Protein backbone atom coordinates (compact mmCIF):
# COMPACT_ATOMS: atom_id res chain seq x y z
CA UNK A 1 177.35 52.44 -42.21
CA UNK A 2 178.20 54.00 -38.88
CA UNK A 3 181.27 56.18 -38.47
CA UNK A 4 183.68 53.35 -37.72
CA UNK A 5 187.37 53.41 -38.75
CA UNK A 6 188.17 51.28 -41.78
CA UNK A 7 191.32 49.16 -41.36
CA UNK A 8 193.76 50.48 -43.93
CA UNK A 9 197.35 51.16 -44.90
CA UNK A 10 198.40 52.79 -48.15
CA UNK A 11 200.36 50.77 -50.66
CA UNK A 12 204.13 50.85 -50.05
CA UNK A 13 206.04 52.85 -52.64
CA UNK A 14 208.05 49.88 -53.87
CA UNK A 15 205.04 47.53 -54.15
CA UNK A 16 204.06 46.48 -57.67
CA UNK A 17 201.29 44.10 -56.65
CA UNK A 18 197.54 44.70 -56.57
CA UNK A 19 197.34 43.32 -52.99
CA UNK A 20 199.75 44.28 -50.20
CA UNK A 21 200.21 43.10 -46.61
CA UNK A 22 199.60 44.97 -43.37
CA UNK A 23 203.07 46.01 -42.24
CA UNK A 24 202.59 44.69 -38.70
CA UNK A 25 201.24 41.26 -39.64
CA UNK A 26 200.18 38.98 -38.15
CA UNK A 27 197.42 41.02 -36.52
CA UNK A 28 196.39 38.07 -34.32
CA UNK A 29 199.06 35.87 -32.76
CA UNK A 30 198.63 32.14 -32.22
CA UNK A 31 198.62 32.58 -28.43
CA UNK A 32 196.18 35.50 -28.21
CA UNK A 33 193.97 33.61 -25.75
CA UNK A 34 195.27 31.41 -22.92
CA UNK A 35 194.15 28.06 -24.35
CA UNK A 36 195.08 28.55 -27.99
CA UNK A 37 197.63 26.66 -30.03
CA UNK A 38 196.69 28.67 -33.12
CA UNK A 39 194.16 31.28 -34.28
CA UNK A 40 193.54 31.51 -38.03
CA UNK A 41 190.95 31.19 -40.84
CA UNK A 42 188.58 33.62 -39.14
CA UNK A 43 185.69 35.90 -40.13
CA UNK A 44 185.07 39.61 -39.53
CA UNK A 45 182.01 41.83 -40.04
CA UNK A 46 181.04 45.44 -39.22
CA UNK A 47 179.13 45.56 -35.92
CA UNK A 48 177.78 48.55 -34.01
CA UNK A 49 180.52 51.21 -33.88
CA UNK A 50 183.31 48.74 -34.66
CA UNK A 51 183.67 45.14 -35.73
CA UNK A 52 182.81 41.67 -34.53
CA UNK A 53 184.39 38.42 -35.56
CA UNK A 54 184.16 34.66 -35.29
CA UNK A 55 187.60 33.12 -34.87
CA UNK A 56 188.92 29.65 -35.36
CA UNK A 57 190.92 28.86 -32.24
CA UNK A 58 192.49 25.40 -31.98
CA UNK A 59 193.41 24.66 -28.36
CA UNK A 60 196.53 22.95 -27.11
CA UNK A 61 194.83 19.57 -27.49
CA UNK A 62 194.23 20.73 -31.10
CA UNK A 63 190.48 20.63 -30.63
CA UNK A 64 188.88 22.96 -33.17
CA UNK A 65 186.23 25.47 -32.14
CA UNK A 66 184.96 28.98 -32.90
CA UNK A 67 185.12 32.00 -30.59
CA UNK A 68 183.57 35.48 -30.74
CA UNK A 69 185.75 38.58 -30.72
CA UNK A 70 185.45 42.36 -30.97
CA UNK A 71 187.48 45.29 -32.25
CA UNK A 72 187.09 49.05 -32.55
CA UNK A 73 189.36 49.38 -35.58
CA UNK A 74 189.41 45.94 -37.24
CA UNK A 75 193.08 45.45 -36.38
CA UNK A 76 193.34 45.19 -32.58
CA UNK A 77 191.13 42.34 -31.36
CA UNK A 78 189.86 41.03 -28.06
CA UNK A 79 188.77 37.41 -28.42
CA UNK A 80 186.56 35.73 -25.85
CA UNK A 81 188.36 33.04 -23.87
CA UNK A 82 185.45 30.59 -24.06
CA UNK A 83 184.08 29.12 -27.29
CA UNK A 84 180.68 30.02 -28.70
CA UNK A 85 177.92 28.01 -27.02
CA UNK A 86 175.14 27.20 -29.47
CA UNK A 87 171.42 27.03 -28.67
CA UNK A 88 168.84 25.26 -30.81
CA UNK A 89 167.78 27.36 -33.81
CA UNK A 90 165.59 25.79 -36.51
CA UNK A 91 166.49 22.30 -35.23
CA UNK A 92 167.17 20.46 -32.00
CA UNK A 93 169.98 18.53 -33.70
CA UNK A 94 173.01 20.67 -32.90
CA UNK A 95 175.55 17.87 -32.66
CA UNK A 96 179.07 18.99 -33.47
CA UNK A 97 182.37 17.17 -33.06
CA UNK A 98 184.31 20.25 -34.13
CA UNK A 99 183.85 23.66 -35.70
CA UNK A 100 186.37 25.50 -37.88
CA UNK A 101 186.93 27.99 -40.74
CA UNK A 102 183.91 30.27 -40.07
CA UNK A 103 182.41 32.95 -42.29
CA UNK A 104 180.00 35.67 -41.15
CA UNK A 105 177.53 37.86 -43.06
CA UNK A 106 174.64 40.18 -42.20
CA UNK A 107 171.47 39.28 -44.12
CA UNK A 108 168.16 41.06 -43.51
CA UNK A 109 167.92 41.18 -39.70
CA UNK A 110 170.72 39.02 -38.29
CA UNK A 111 174.27 37.83 -38.64
CA UNK A 112 174.56 34.42 -40.24
CA UNK A 113 177.55 32.20 -39.54
CA UNK A 114 178.71 29.23 -41.57
CA UNK A 115 181.53 26.90 -40.61
CA UNK A 116 182.94 23.46 -41.26
CA UNK A 117 180.94 21.36 -38.83
CA UNK A 118 181.90 17.91 -37.60
CA UNK A 119 178.90 15.62 -38.10
CA UNK A 120 180.15 12.16 -39.11
CA UNK A 121 182.78 14.02 -41.06
CA UNK A 122 183.02 17.62 -42.25
CA UNK A 123 179.91 19.38 -43.52
CA UNK A 124 178.57 22.95 -43.51
CA UNK A 125 177.13 24.20 -40.22
CA UNK A 126 174.81 27.20 -40.16
CA UNK A 127 173.88 29.44 -37.26
CA UNK A 128 172.90 33.00 -36.48
CA UNK A 129 173.20 35.70 -33.87
CA UNK A 130 171.74 39.14 -33.35
CA UNK A 131 174.30 40.41 -30.85
CA UNK A 132 177.36 38.08 -30.86
CA UNK A 133 176.38 37.02 -27.34
CA UNK A 134 173.69 34.43 -28.02
CA UNK A 135 174.12 32.04 -30.94
CA UNK A 136 171.59 29.69 -32.52
CA UNK A 137 172.57 26.63 -34.54
CA UNK A 138 170.48 25.49 -37.50
CA UNK A 139 170.33 22.36 -39.62
CA UNK A 140 173.53 21.47 -41.45
CA UNK A 141 173.27 22.61 -45.05
CA UNK A 142 174.57 19.46 -46.72
CA UNK A 143 175.51 15.84 -46.22
CA UNK A 144 179.11 15.12 -45.33
CA UNK A 145 181.55 15.75 -46.87
CA UNK A 146 181.75 19.47 -47.60
CA UNK A 147 183.81 22.52 -46.66
CA UNK A 148 184.08 26.26 -47.38
CA UNK A 149 180.40 27.17 -47.08
CA UNK A 150 180.09 30.86 -47.96
CA UNK A 151 176.76 32.70 -48.05
CA UNK A 152 175.96 35.50 -50.47
CA UNK A 153 175.01 38.71 -48.60
CA UNK A 154 171.55 38.94 -50.17
CA UNK A 155 168.98 36.69 -51.77
CA UNK A 156 169.40 35.85 -55.45
CA UNK A 157 166.15 35.48 -57.36
CA UNK A 158 164.28 35.31 -54.05
CA UNK A 159 166.41 32.57 -52.48
CA UNK A 160 169.35 32.39 -50.12
CA UNK A 161 172.50 31.30 -51.94
CA UNK A 162 175.64 29.56 -50.67
CA UNK A 163 178.94 28.58 -52.23
CA UNK A 164 180.56 25.36 -51.04
CA UNK A 165 183.24 22.84 -51.92
CA UNK A 166 182.30 19.13 -51.79
CA UNK A 167 185.23 17.22 -50.32
CA UNK A 168 186.20 14.01 -48.55
CA UNK A 169 186.91 13.10 -44.93
CA UNK A 170 190.62 13.91 -45.06
CA UNK A 171 193.02 16.37 -46.65
CA UNK A 172 191.06 16.47 -49.86
CA UNK A 173 193.22 16.16 -53.02
CA UNK A 174 190.42 17.56 -55.21
CA UNK A 175 187.66 20.16 -55.06
CA UNK A 176 185.50 22.50 -57.13
CA UNK A 177 183.17 25.35 -56.12
CA UNK A 178 179.38 24.88 -56.29
CA UNK A 179 176.43 27.14 -55.53
CA UNK A 180 173.23 25.97 -53.82
CA UNK A 181 169.93 27.69 -53.02
CA UNK A 182 167.45 27.66 -50.14
CA UNK A 183 164.06 29.25 -49.51
CA UNK A 184 164.48 29.21 -45.74
CA UNK A 185 168.11 28.52 -44.67
CA UNK A 186 167.09 24.95 -43.84
CA UNK A 187 166.55 23.04 -47.07
CA UNK A 188 169.20 23.41 -49.76
CA UNK A 189 169.09 22.33 -53.39
CA UNK A 190 169.46 23.43 -57.02
CA UNK A 191 173.18 22.69 -56.82
CA UNK A 192 175.18 24.11 -59.71
CA UNK A 193 178.89 23.94 -60.49
CA UNK A 194 180.50 27.38 -60.47
CA UNK A 195 184.20 26.82 -61.04
CA UNK A 196 186.62 23.90 -61.26
CA UNK A 197 190.28 23.53 -60.41
CA UNK A 198 192.42 24.43 -63.41
CA UNK A 199 194.60 22.35 -65.65
CA UNK A 200 198.18 22.24 -64.39
CA UNK A 201 199.57 23.81 -67.54
CA UNK A 202 197.09 26.72 -67.48
CA UNK A 203 197.42 27.94 -63.87
CA UNK A 204 199.20 25.48 -61.62
CA UNK A 205 198.72 27.40 -58.35
CA UNK A 206 195.01 26.40 -58.43
CA UNK A 207 195.20 23.00 -60.15
CA UNK A 208 194.54 20.67 -57.17
CA UNK A 209 191.48 22.28 -55.57
CA UNK A 210 189.76 25.60 -55.02
CA UNK A 211 187.34 26.99 -52.43
CA UNK A 212 185.39 30.18 -51.86
CA UNK A 213 186.86 32.60 -49.32
CA UNK A 214 185.20 35.78 -47.99
CA UNK A 215 181.55 36.72 -48.50
CA UNK A 216 181.18 37.75 -52.18
CA UNK A 217 181.01 41.49 -52.88
CA UNK A 218 178.44 42.83 -55.34
CA UNK A 219 180.02 45.23 -57.83
CA UNK A 220 178.99 46.75 -61.14
CA UNK A 221 180.88 43.89 -62.81
CA UNK A 222 179.06 41.17 -60.85
CA UNK A 223 179.95 39.29 -57.69
CA UNK A 224 183.60 39.59 -56.72
CA UNK A 225 184.51 36.21 -55.24
CA UNK A 226 187.89 35.97 -53.57
CA UNK A 227 188.94 32.34 -53.30
CA UNK A 228 191.82 30.07 -52.43
CA UNK A 229 193.59 27.77 -54.84
CA UNK A 230 195.90 24.86 -54.08
CA UNK A 231 198.76 23.16 -55.87
CA UNK A 232 200.25 19.85 -54.74
CA UNK A 233 204.01 20.29 -54.65
CA UNK A 234 206.79 17.90 -53.66
CA UNK A 235 206.52 19.59 -50.24
CA UNK A 236 202.73 19.19 -49.93
CA UNK A 237 199.84 21.60 -50.50
CA UNK A 238 200.49 25.29 -51.20
CA UNK A 239 197.53 27.70 -50.76
CA UNK A 240 197.25 31.08 -52.51
CA UNK A 241 194.54 33.70 -53.10
CA UNK A 242 192.77 34.55 -56.35
CA UNK A 243 189.61 36.35 -57.50
CA UNK A 244 186.74 35.77 -59.87
CA UNK A 245 183.76 37.77 -61.11
CA UNK A 246 180.43 35.92 -61.18
CA UNK A 247 177.20 36.92 -62.90
CA UNK A 248 174.95 38.89 -60.53
CA UNK A 249 171.77 36.87 -61.16
CA UNK A 250 173.33 33.54 -62.20
CA UNK A 251 176.44 33.14 -60.05
CA UNK A 252 177.26 29.77 -61.60
CA UNK A 253 178.36 31.75 -64.65
CA UNK A 254 181.98 32.89 -64.31
CA UNK A 255 182.75 36.08 -66.22
CA UNK A 256 186.43 36.41 -65.27
CA UNK A 257 188.91 34.47 -63.17
CA UNK A 258 192.50 35.29 -62.30
CA UNK A 259 195.18 33.22 -63.98
CA UNK A 260 197.94 34.53 -61.67
CA UNK A 261 197.30 34.56 -57.94
CA UNK A 262 196.65 37.79 -56.05
CA UNK A 263 198.61 36.83 -52.94
CA UNK A 264 200.70 33.76 -52.29
CA UNK A 265 202.73 32.61 -49.29
CA UNK A 266 205.94 34.63 -49.14
CA UNK A 267 206.20 36.30 -45.71
CA UNK A 268 207.81 34.26 -42.90
CA UNK A 269 204.50 33.82 -41.00
CA UNK A 270 202.93 32.41 -44.21
CA UNK A 271 205.84 30.11 -45.00
CA UNK A 272 206.38 28.79 -41.47
CA UNK A 273 203.82 27.50 -39.01
CA UNK A 274 201.76 24.44 -38.19
CA UNK A 275 200.97 24.04 -41.91
CA UNK A 276 203.59 25.87 -43.99
CA UNK A 277 202.88 27.74 -47.23
CA UNK A 278 199.27 28.78 -46.64
CA UNK A 279 197.36 31.97 -47.48
CA UNK A 280 193.67 31.23 -46.76
CA UNK A 281 191.24 34.18 -47.11
CA UNK A 282 188.07 34.05 -44.99
CA UNK A 283 186.75 37.61 -44.71
CA UNK A 284 186.84 40.94 -46.52
CA UNK A 285 185.69 44.43 -45.64
CA UNK A 286 185.10 46.96 -48.39
CA UNK A 287 184.36 50.66 -48.68
CA UNK A 288 183.01 51.28 -52.16
CA UNK A 289 183.11 55.07 -51.84
CA UNK A 290 186.76 55.09 -50.75
CA UNK A 291 187.64 52.19 -53.11
CA UNK A 292 189.17 50.18 -50.27
CA UNK A 293 189.35 46.44 -49.67
CA UNK A 294 190.72 44.75 -46.53
CA UNK A 295 191.14 40.96 -46.63
CA UNK A 296 191.59 38.78 -43.54
CA UNK A 297 193.38 35.51 -44.09
CA UNK A 298 194.80 32.58 -42.21
CA UNK A 299 198.57 32.27 -42.52
CA UNK A 300 200.26 28.86 -42.26
CA UNK A 301 197.25 27.57 -40.26
CA UNK A 302 198.71 29.44 -37.29
CA UNK A 303 197.94 33.19 -37.25
CA UNK A 304 195.68 35.83 -38.85
CA UNK A 305 197.04 38.19 -41.48
CA UNK A 306 195.52 41.29 -43.07
CA UNK A 307 196.03 42.52 -46.63
CA UNK A 308 194.77 45.52 -48.58
CA UNK A 309 193.88 46.48 -52.11
CA UNK A 310 191.92 48.99 -54.14
CA UNK A 311 188.58 47.41 -55.01
CA UNK A 312 188.61 48.85 -58.54
CA UNK A 313 192.17 47.62 -59.12
CA UNK A 314 191.34 44.09 -57.99
CA UNK A 315 188.37 44.02 -60.36
CA UNK A 316 190.45 45.37 -63.25
CA UNK A 317 193.27 42.94 -62.52
CA UNK A 318 190.78 40.06 -62.56
CA UNK A 319 189.45 41.18 -65.95
CA UNK A 320 192.86 41.84 -67.45
CA UNK A 321 194.47 38.61 -66.26
CA UNK A 322 191.62 36.15 -66.72
CA UNK A 323 191.84 32.55 -67.80
């Protein structure tokens, strides 16, 4: 790791929670580029002496696309005004009606990007870049309909691994997390169920559907998977953030899973926006030595928020408050 600043604020004195918000949230406003109606559900990764990101920017026609951006400190961002233009990667079929909710991870020699790709409905798009200037689109991972494709940061048992959430063509009223494997980032199979939505009476905040969030983090306790959970209320969907610990070598085995949420919509920018009552995590930075965790999340489908926690405390909370 190069000597780049880690985005961080200490926990406020009066905070009793394991996760706390950046005190100047949102860090990215909905109108941060000239064409945007909203910027949210975006991904961040260390890059050179700072950070790079892939941002969901819906324009004022509410066309969904992904844009590259850069930051020296992970908090103050400059987002390109034009969307990412894809070249052919391992396929010439790079058709895309829309792109949204990206994730980014460095594996081996390049940065891999996944997103919800419009190909006769939502599915998982895959691409890569070496420099965040040129981008190459690959074969879609799955048939429609699928969302929340999240790659593991290293091979598992010699294969690439990806979490996803099979869905429908609308505002899906169901959804469980699966893991799939690939030898080459082109052909995916060996699909296994990881985690299902909960029973209402056990943990209602995640009883309608769940989906993987940031890239999983390998810890001594297994893979830390931060995820979103949804409840259907009389006012519609409500999205909150939880965590689970998965087995290192068999990630379809869940060791622990939070019964209470880690962070739910409570701040004004999470409660009010184009889609109220949404906390949707998409990226996380961690510093194991300093025991720091920084989580980027979409708020109310409108802006980008940042939250912090101690990595060890999040793991302990997950173990102590597991279903």
